[in-house]
Amino acid sequence: MAADVEPLGIVFHLPVICEDNNVPYVFVGSKTAFRRACAVTQPVAIAASITQYEGSQLKSQIRDIHENVEQLI
């Protein structure tokens, strides 16, 4: 989630929902940084719900992202 979202009410409830459901989340410094990371032209307030299954070709990438996020928390 972008830390500079305005109005804050857009994302204010999401950390509570994530914590209630044991879903990890992180704040990114700005919508602009988030936009660049997502490779889009519009500012981004929140992104990505990643699901996986054992046969996924993305499993190693998802695991790497998860480990990087864990280090941030």
PDB file of N, CA and C in Angstrom:
ATOM      1  N   MET A   1       0.838  -1.167   0.000  1.00  0.00           N
ATOM      2  CA  MET A   1       0.000   0.000   0.000  1.00  0.00           C
ATOM      3  C   MET A   1       0.886   1.234   0.000  1.00  0.00           C
ATOM      4  N   ALA A   2       0.488   2.222  -0.739  1.00  0.00           N
ATOM      5  CA  ALA A   2       1.252   3.461  -0.775  1.00  0.00           C
ATOM      6  C   ALA A   2       0.989   4.262   0.495  1.00  0.00           C
ATOM      7  N   ALA A   3       2.053   4.776   1.078  1.00  0.00           N
ATOM      8  CA  ALA A   3       1.932   5.513   2.337  1.00  0.00           C
ATOM      9  C   ALA A   3       1.358   6.912   2.149  1.00  0.00           C
ATOM     10  N   ASP A   4       1.369   7.424   0.914  1.00  0.00           N
ATOM     11  CA  ASP A   4       0.903   8.793   0.687  1.00  0.00           C
ATOM     12  C   ASP A   4      -0.466   8.869   0.007  1.00  0.00           C
ATOM     13  N   VAL A   5      -1.291   7.868   0.215  1.00  0.00           N
ATOM     14  CA  VAL A   5      -2.629   7.850  -0.383  1.00  0.00           C
ATOM     15  C   VAL A   5      -3.491   8.943   0.244  1.00  0.00           C
ATOM     16  N   GLU A   6      -4.213   9.663  -0.607  1.00  0.00           N
ATOM     17  CA  GLU A   6      -5.164  10.672  -0.135  1.00  0.00           C
ATOM     18  C   GLU A   6      -6.461  10.499  -0.901  1.00  0.00           C
ATOM     19  N   PRO A   7      -7.590  10.462  -0.272  1.00  0.00           N
ATOM     20  CA  PRO A   7      -7.766  10.459   1.178  1.00  0.00           C
ATOM     21  C   PRO A   7      -7.361   9.110   1.772  1.00  0.00           C
ATOM     22  N   LEU A   8      -6.865   9.150   2.979  1.00  0.00           N
ATOM     23  CA  LEU A   8      -6.381   7.956   3.660  1.00  0.00           C
ATOM     24  C   LEU A   8      -7.465   6.896   3.791  1.00  0.00           C
ATOM     25  N   GLY A   9      -8.721   7.304   3.800  1.00  0.00           N
ATOM     26  CA  GLY A   9      -9.836   6.372   3.925  1.00  0.00           C
ATOM     27  C   GLY A   9      -9.881   5.308   2.841  1.00  0.00           C
ATOM     28  N   ILE A  10      -9.195   5.568   1.724  1.00  0.00           N
ATOM     29  CA  ILE A  10      -9.167   4.592   0.638  1.00  0.00           C
ATOM     30  C   ILE A  10      -8.523   3.291   1.093  1.00  0.00           C
ATOM     31  N   VAL A  11      -7.480   3.379   1.911  1.00  0.00           N
ATOM     32  CA  VAL A  11      -6.756   2.175   2.343  1.00  0.00           C
ATOM     33  C   VAL A  11      -6.753   1.979   3.854  1.00  0.00           C
ATOM     34  N   PHE A  12      -7.359   2.889   4.590  1.00  0.00           N
ATOM     35  CA  PHE A  12      -7.296   2.880   6.054  1.00  0.00           C
ATOM     36  C   PHE A  12      -7.740   1.553   6.664  1.00  0.00           C
ATOM     37  N   HIS A  13      -8.743   0.928   6.102  1.00  0.00           N
ATOM     38  CA  HIS A  13      -9.298  -0.310   6.655  1.00  0.00           C
ATOM     39  C   HIS A  13      -8.498  -1.556   6.287  1.00  0.00           C
ATOM     40  N   LEU A  14      -7.663  -1.479   5.273  1.00  0.00           N
ATOM     41  CA  LEU A  14      -6.987  -2.671   4.765  1.00  0.00           C
ATOM     42  C   LEU A  14      -5.985  -3.307   5.733  1.00  0.00           C
ATOM     43  N   PRO A  15      -5.149  -2.543   6.448  1.00  0.00           N
ATOM     44  CA  PRO A  15      -4.250  -3.198   7.406  1.00  0.00           C
ATOM     45  C   PRO A  15      -4.992  -3.996   8.474  1.00  0.00           C
ATOM     46  N   VAL A  16      -6.114  -3.492   8.936  1.00  0.00           N
ATOM     47  CA  VAL A  16      -6.898  -4.212   9.946  1.00  0.00           C
ATOM     48  C   VAL A  16      -7.407  -5.534   9.376  1.00  0.00           C
ATOM     49  N   ILE A  17      -7.929  -5.484   8.163  1.00  0.00           N
ATOM     50  CA  ILE A  17      -8.417  -6.707   7.522  1.00  0.00           C
ATOM     51  C   ILE A  17      -7.268  -7.694   7.324  1.00  0.00           C
ATOM     52  N   CYS A  18      -6.127  -7.193   6.871  1.00  0.00           N
ATOM     53  CA  CYS A  18      -4.964  -8.068   6.677  1.00  0.00           C
ATOM     54  C   CYS A  18      -4.539  -8.710   7.991  1.00  0.00           C
ATOM     55  N   GLU A  19      -4.448  -7.915   9.049  1.00  0.00           N
ATOM     56  CA  GLU A  19      -4.031  -8.454  10.344  1.00  0.00           C
ATOM     57  C   GLU A  19      -5.038  -9.460  10.877  1.00  0.00           C
ATOM     58  N   ASP A  20      -6.320  -9.173  10.726  1.00  0.00           N
ATOM     59  CA  ASP A  20      -7.360 -10.106  11.187  1.00  0.00           C
ATOM     60  C   ASP A  20      -7.282 -11.448  10.467  1.00  0.00           C
ATOM     61  N   ASN A  21      -6.792 -11.437   9.233  1.00  0.00           N
ATOM     62  CA  ASN A  21      -6.737 -12.655   8.427  1.00  0.00           C
ATOM     63  C   ASN A  21      -5.317 -13.194   8.250  1.00  0.00           C
ATOM     64  N   ASN A  22      -4.390 -12.658   9.050  1.00  0.00           N
ATOM     65  CA  ASN A  22      -2.995 -13.105   9.007  1.00  0.00           C
ATOM     66  C   ASN A  22      -2.405 -13.011   7.594  1.00  0.00           C
ATOM     67  N   VAL A  23      -2.696 -11.893   6.931  1.00  0.00           N
ATOM     68  CA  VAL A  23      -2.185 -11.636   5.586  1.00  0.00           C
ATOM     69  C   VAL A  23      -1.099 -10.567   5.692  1.00  0.00           C
ATOM     70  N   PRO A  24       0.125 -10.873   5.249  1.00  0.00           N
ATOM     71  CA  PRO A  24       1.188  -9.870   5.329  1.00  0.00           C
ATOM     72  C   PRO A  24       0.924  -8.712   4.375  1.00  0.00           C
ATOM     73  N   TYR A  25       1.370  -7.528   4.779  1.00  0.00           N
ATOM     74  CA  TYR A  25       1.255  -6.345   3.933  1.00  0.00           C
ATOM     75  C   TYR A  25       2.423  -5.425   4.243  1.00  0.00           C
ATOM     76  N   VAL A  26       2.728  -4.550   3.325  1.00  0.00           N
ATOM     77  CA  VAL A  26       3.782  -3.559   3.526  1.00  0.00           C
ATOM     78  C   VAL A  26       3.313  -2.230   2.958  1.00  0.00           C
ATOM     79  N   PHE A  27       3.891  -1.164   3.490  1.00  0.00           N
ATOM     80  CA  PHE A  27       3.662   0.163   2.948  1.00  0.00           C
ATOM     81  C   PHE A  27       4.848   0.538   2.073  1.00  0.00           C
ATOM     82  N   VAL A  28       4.555   1.097   0.920  1.00  0.00           N
ATOM     83  CA  VAL A  28       5.568   1.611   0.004  1.00  0.00           C
ATOM     84  C   VAL A  28       5.584   3.115   0.193  1.00  0.00           C
ATOM     85  N   GLY A  29       6.748   3.722   0.093  1.00  0.00           N
ATOM     86  CA  GLY A  29       6.901   5.142   0.379  1.00  0.00           C
ATOM     87  C   GLY A  29       5.969   6.078  -0.357  1.00  0.00           C
ATOM     88  N   SER A  30       5.686   5.798  -1.616  1.00  0.00           N
ATOM     89  CA  SER A  30       4.845   6.725  -2.372  1.00  0.00           C
ATOM     90  C   SER A  30       4.119   6.022  -3.508  1.00  0.00           C
ATOM     91  N   LYS A  31       3.047   6.673  -3.966  1.00  0.00           N
ATOM     92  CA  LYS A  31       2.305   6.158  -5.120  1.00  0.00           C
ATOM     93  C   LYS A  31       3.186   6.161  -6.364  1.00  0.00           C
ATOM     94  N   THR A  32       4.078   7.139  -6.447  1.00  0.00           N
ATOM     95  CA  THR A  32       4.969   7.226  -7.600  1.00  0.00           C
ATOM     96  C   THR A  32       5.940   6.051  -7.632  1.00  0.00           C
ATOM     97  N   ALA A  33       6.530   5.722  -6.496  1.00  0.00           N
ATOM     98  CA  ALA A  33       7.436   4.565  -6.430  1.00  0.00           C
ATOM     99  C   ALA A  33       6.681   3.283  -6.761  1.00  0.00           C
ATOM    100  N   PHE A  34       5.468   3.193  -6.253  1.00  0.00           N
ATOM    101  CA  PHE A  34       4.627   2.026  -6.515  1.00  0.00           C
ATOM    102  C   PHE A  34       4.311   1.929  -8.007  1.00  0.00           C
ATOM    103  N   ARG A  35       3.996   3.061  -8.609  1.00  0.00           N
ATOM    104  CA  ARG A  35       3.690   3.111 -10.043  1.00  0.00           C
ATOM    105  C   ARG A  35       4.874   2.595 -10.850  1.00  0.00           C
ATOM    106  N   ARG A  36       6.049   3.061 -10.512  1.00  0.00           N
ATOM    107  CA  ARG A  36       7.248   2.616 -11.237  1.00  0.00           C
ATOM    108  C   ARG A  36       7.461   1.114 -11.072  1.00  0.00           C
ATOM    109  N   ALA A  37       7.290   0.616  -9.853  1.00  0.00           N
ATOM    110  CA  ALA A  37       7.484  -0.815  -9.588  1.00  0.00           C
ATOM    111  C   ALA A  37       6.473  -1.667 -10.348  1.00  0.00           C
ATOM    112  N   CYS A  38       5.268  -1.124 -10.539  1.00  0.00           N
ATOM    113  CA  CYS A  38       4.217  -1.856 -11.256  1.00  0.00           C
ATOM    114  C   CYS A  38       4.278  -1.625 -12.761  1.00  0.00           C
ATOM    115  N   ALA A  39       5.181  -0.754 -13.195  1.00  0.00           N
ATOM    116  CA  ALA A  39       5.373  -0.438 -14.615  1.00  0.00           C
ATOM    117  C   ALA A  39       4.094   0.056 -15.280  1.00  0.00           C
ATOM    118  N   VAL A  40       3.413   0.997 -14.601  1.00  0.00           N
ATOM    119  CA  VAL A  40       2.223   1.622 -15.165  1.00  0.00           C
ATOM    120  C   VAL A  40       2.395   3.132 -15.136  1.00  0.00           C
ATOM    121  N   THR A  41       1.526   3.847 -15.844  1.00  0.00           N
ATOM    122  CA  THR A  41       1.674   5.295 -15.940  1.00  0.00           C
ATOM    123  C   THR A  41       0.887   6.067 -14.894  1.00  0.00           C
ATOM    124  N   GLN A  42      -0.127   5.464 -14.312  1.00  0.00           N
ATOM    125  CA  GLN A  42      -0.952   6.138 -13.311  1.00  0.00           C
ATOM    126  C   GLN A  42      -0.454   5.811 -11.901  1.00  0.00           C
ATOM    127  N   PRO A  43      -0.624   6.729 -10.947  1.00  0.00           N
ATOM    128  CA  PRO A  43      -0.242   6.424  -9.564  1.00  0.00           C
ATOM    129  C   PRO A  43      -0.981   5.188  -9.054  1.00  0.00           C
ATOM    130  N   VAL A  44      -0.312   4.408  -8.234  1.00  0.00           N
ATOM    131  CA  VAL A  44      -0.870   3.167  -7.703  1.00  0.00           C
ATOM    132  C   VAL A  44      -0.959   3.278  -6.192  1.00  0.00           C
ATOM    133  N   ALA A  45      -2.145   3.001  -5.640  1.00  0.00           N
ATOM    134  CA  ALA A  45      -2.346   3.065  -4.195  1.00  0.00           C
ATOM    135  C   ALA A  45      -2.130   1.714  -3.531  1.00  0.00           C
ATOM    136  N   ILE A  46      -2.537   0.663  -4.191  1.00  0.00           N
ATOM    137  CA  ILE A  46      -2.419  -0.679  -3.623  1.00  0.00           C
ATOM    138  C   ILE A  46      -2.304  -1.676  -4.762  1.00  0.00           C
ATOM    139  N   ALA A  47      -1.576  -2.736  -4.518  1.00  0.00           N
ATOM    140  CA  ALA A  47      -1.424  -3.743  -5.567  1.00  0.00           C
ATOM    141  C   ALA A  47      -1.213  -5.114  -4.962  1.00  0.00           C
ATOM    142  N   ALA A  48      -1.615  -6.077  -5.641  1.00  0.00           N
ATOM    143  CA  ALA A  48      -1.249  -7.474  -5.667  1.00  0.00           C
ATOM    144  C   ALA A  48      -1.788  -8.361  -4.578  1.00  0.00           C
ATOM    145  N   SER A  49      -2.527  -9.258  -5.073  1.00  0.00           N
ATOM    146  CA  SER A  49      -2.937 -10.417  -4.305  1.00  0.00           C
ATOM    147  C   SER A  49      -2.385 -11.600  -5.074  1.00  0.00           C
ATOM    148  N   ILE A  50      -1.459 -12.308  -4.463  1.00  0.00           N
ATOM    149  CA  ILE A  50      -0.796 -13.399  -5.170  1.00  0.00           C
ATOM    150  C   ILE A  50      -1.248 -14.719  -4.587  1.00  0.00           C
ATOM    151  N   THR A  51      -1.776 -15.562  -5.445  1.00  0.00           N
ATOM    152  CA  THR A  51      -2.119 -16.917  -5.027  1.00  0.00           C
ATOM    153  C   THR A  51      -1.224 -17.865  -5.794  1.00  0.00           C
ATOM    154  N   GLN A  52      -0.996 -19.011  -5.218  1.00  0.00           N
ATOM    155  CA  GLN A  52      -0.107 -19.957  -5.879  1.00  0.00           C
ATOM    156  C   GLN A  52      -0.627 -21.372  -5.731  1.00  0.00           C
ATOM    157  N   TYR A  53      -0.170 -22.209  -6.572  1.00  0.00           N
ATOM    158  CA  TYR A  53      -0.436 -23.630  -6.447  1.00  0.00           C
ATOM    159  C   TYR A  53       0.883 -24.347  -6.714  1.00  0.00           C
ATOM    160  N   GLU A  54       0.973 -25.566  -6.284  1.00  0.00           N
ATOM    161  CA  GLU A  54       2.244 -26.292  -6.308  1.00  0.00           C
ATOM    162  C   GLU A  54       2.878 -26.372  -7.690  1.00  0.00           C
ATOM    163  N   GLY A  55       2.088 -26.439  -8.741  1.00  0.00           N
ATOM    164  CA  GLY A  55       2.630 -26.577 -10.082  1.00  0.00           C
ATOM    165  C   GLY A  55       2.976 -25.266 -10.763  1.00  0.00           C
ATOM    166  N   SER A  56       2.833 -24.157 -10.068  1.00  0.00           N
ATOM    167  CA  SER A  56       3.026 -22.855 -10.677  1.00  0.00           C
ATOM    168  C   SER A  56       4.472 -22.636 -11.115  1.00  0.00           C
ATOM    169  N   GLN A  57       4.643 -22.121 -12.323  1.00  0.00           N
ATOM    170  CA  GLN A  57       5.973 -21.759 -12.803  1.00  0.00           C
ATOM    171  C   GLN A  57       6.495 -20.522 -12.079  1.00  0.00           C
ATOM    172  N   LEU A  58       5.613 -19.795 -11.422  1.00  0.00           N
ATOM    173  CA  LEU A  58       6.004 -18.588 -10.699  1.00  0.00           C
ATOM    174  C   LEU A  58       6.363 -18.861  -9.246  1.00  0.00           C
ATOM    175  N   LYS A  59       6.296 -20.104  -8.823  1.00  0.00           N
ATOM    176  CA  LYS A  59       6.477 -20.430  -7.411  1.00  0.00           C
ATOM    177  C   LYS A  59       7.785 -19.873  -6.843  1.00  0.00           C
ATOM    178  N   SER A  60       8.894 -20.018  -7.552  1.00  0.00           N
ATOM    179  CA  SER A  60      10.172 -19.532  -7.023  1.00  0.00           C
ATOM    180  C   SER A  60      10.183 -18.007  -6.945  1.00  0.00           C
ATOM    181  N   GLN A  61       9.582 -17.328  -7.916  1.00  0.00           N
ATOM    182  CA  GLN A  61       9.509 -15.868  -7.872  1.00  0.00           C
ATOM    183  C   GLN A  61       8.622 -15.408  -6.724  1.00  0.00           C
ATOM    184  N   ILE A  62       7.498 -16.080  -6.525  1.00  0.00           N
ATOM    185  CA  ILE A  62       6.599 -15.735  -5.423  1.00  0.00           C
ATOM    186  C   ILE A  62       7.311 -15.941  -4.094  1.00  0.00           C
ATOM    187  N   ARG A  63       8.053 -17.035  -3.964  1.00  0.00           N
ATOM    188  CA  ARG A  63       8.794 -17.304  -2.728  1.00  0.00           C
ATOM    189  C   ARG A  63       9.837 -16.208  -2.483  1.00  0.00           C
ATOM    190  N   ASP A  64      10.553 -15.789  -3.521  1.00  0.00           N
ATOM    191  CA  ASP A  64      11.553 -14.729  -3.383  1.00  0.00           C
ATOM    192  C   ASP A  64      10.914 -13.420  -2.940  1.00  0.00           C
ATOM    193  N   ILE A  65       9.792 -13.070  -3.543  1.00  0.00           N
ATOM    194  CA  ILE A  65       9.081 -11.847  -3.159  1.00  0.00           C
ATOM    195  C   ILE A  65       8.631 -11.944  -1.715  1.00  0.00           C
ATOM    196  N   HIS A  66       8.086 -13.088  -1.347  1.00  0.00           N
ATOM    197  CA  HIS A  66       7.623 -13.291   0.029  1.00  0.00           C
ATOM    198  C   HIS A  66       8.781 -13.114   1.013  1.00  0.00           C
ATOM    199  N   GLU A  67       9.928 -13.680   0.709  1.00  0.00           N
ATOM    200  CA  GLU A  67      11.090 -13.552   1.592  1.00  0.00           C
ATOM    201  C   GLU A  67      11.543 -12.102   1.699  1.00  0.00           C
ATOM    202  N   ASN A  68      11.528 -11.375   0.590  1.00  0.00           N
ATOM    203  CA  ASN A  68      11.906  -9.962   0.620  1.00  0.00           C
ATOM    204  C   ASN A  68      10.933  -9.141   1.454  1.00  0.00           C
ATOM    205  N   VAL A  69       9.651  -9.429   1.321  1.00  0.00           N
ATOM    206  CA  VAL A  69       8.645  -8.722   2.117  1.00  0.00           C
ATOM    207  C   VAL A  69       8.827  -9.041   3.595  1.00  0.00           C
ATOM    208  N   GLU A  70       9.089 -10.292   3.918  1.00  0.00           N
ATOM    209  CA  GLU A  70       9.308 -10.682   5.313  1.00  0.00           C
ATOM    210  C   GLU A  70      10.471  -9.910   5.921  1.00  0.00           C
ATOM    211  N   GLN A  71      11.515  -9.650   5.150  1.00  0.00           N
ATOM    212  CA  GLN A  71      12.658  -8.893   5.651  1.00  0.00           C
ATOM    213  C   GLN A  71      12.281  -7.449   5.946  1.00  0.00           C
ATOM    214  N   LEU A  72      11.306  -6.920   5.223  1.00  0.00           N
ATOM    215  CA  LEU A  72      10.862  -5.548   5.447  1.00  0.00           C
ATOM    216  C   LEU A  72      10.019  -5.400   6.700  1.00  0.00           C
ATOM    217  N   ILE A  73       9.349  -6.471   7.084  1.00  0.00           N
ATOM    218  CA  ILE A  73       8.403  -6.394   8.203  1.00  0.00           C
ATOM    219  C   ILE A  73       9.126  -6.422   9.519  1.00  0.00           C
TER     220      ILE A  73
END
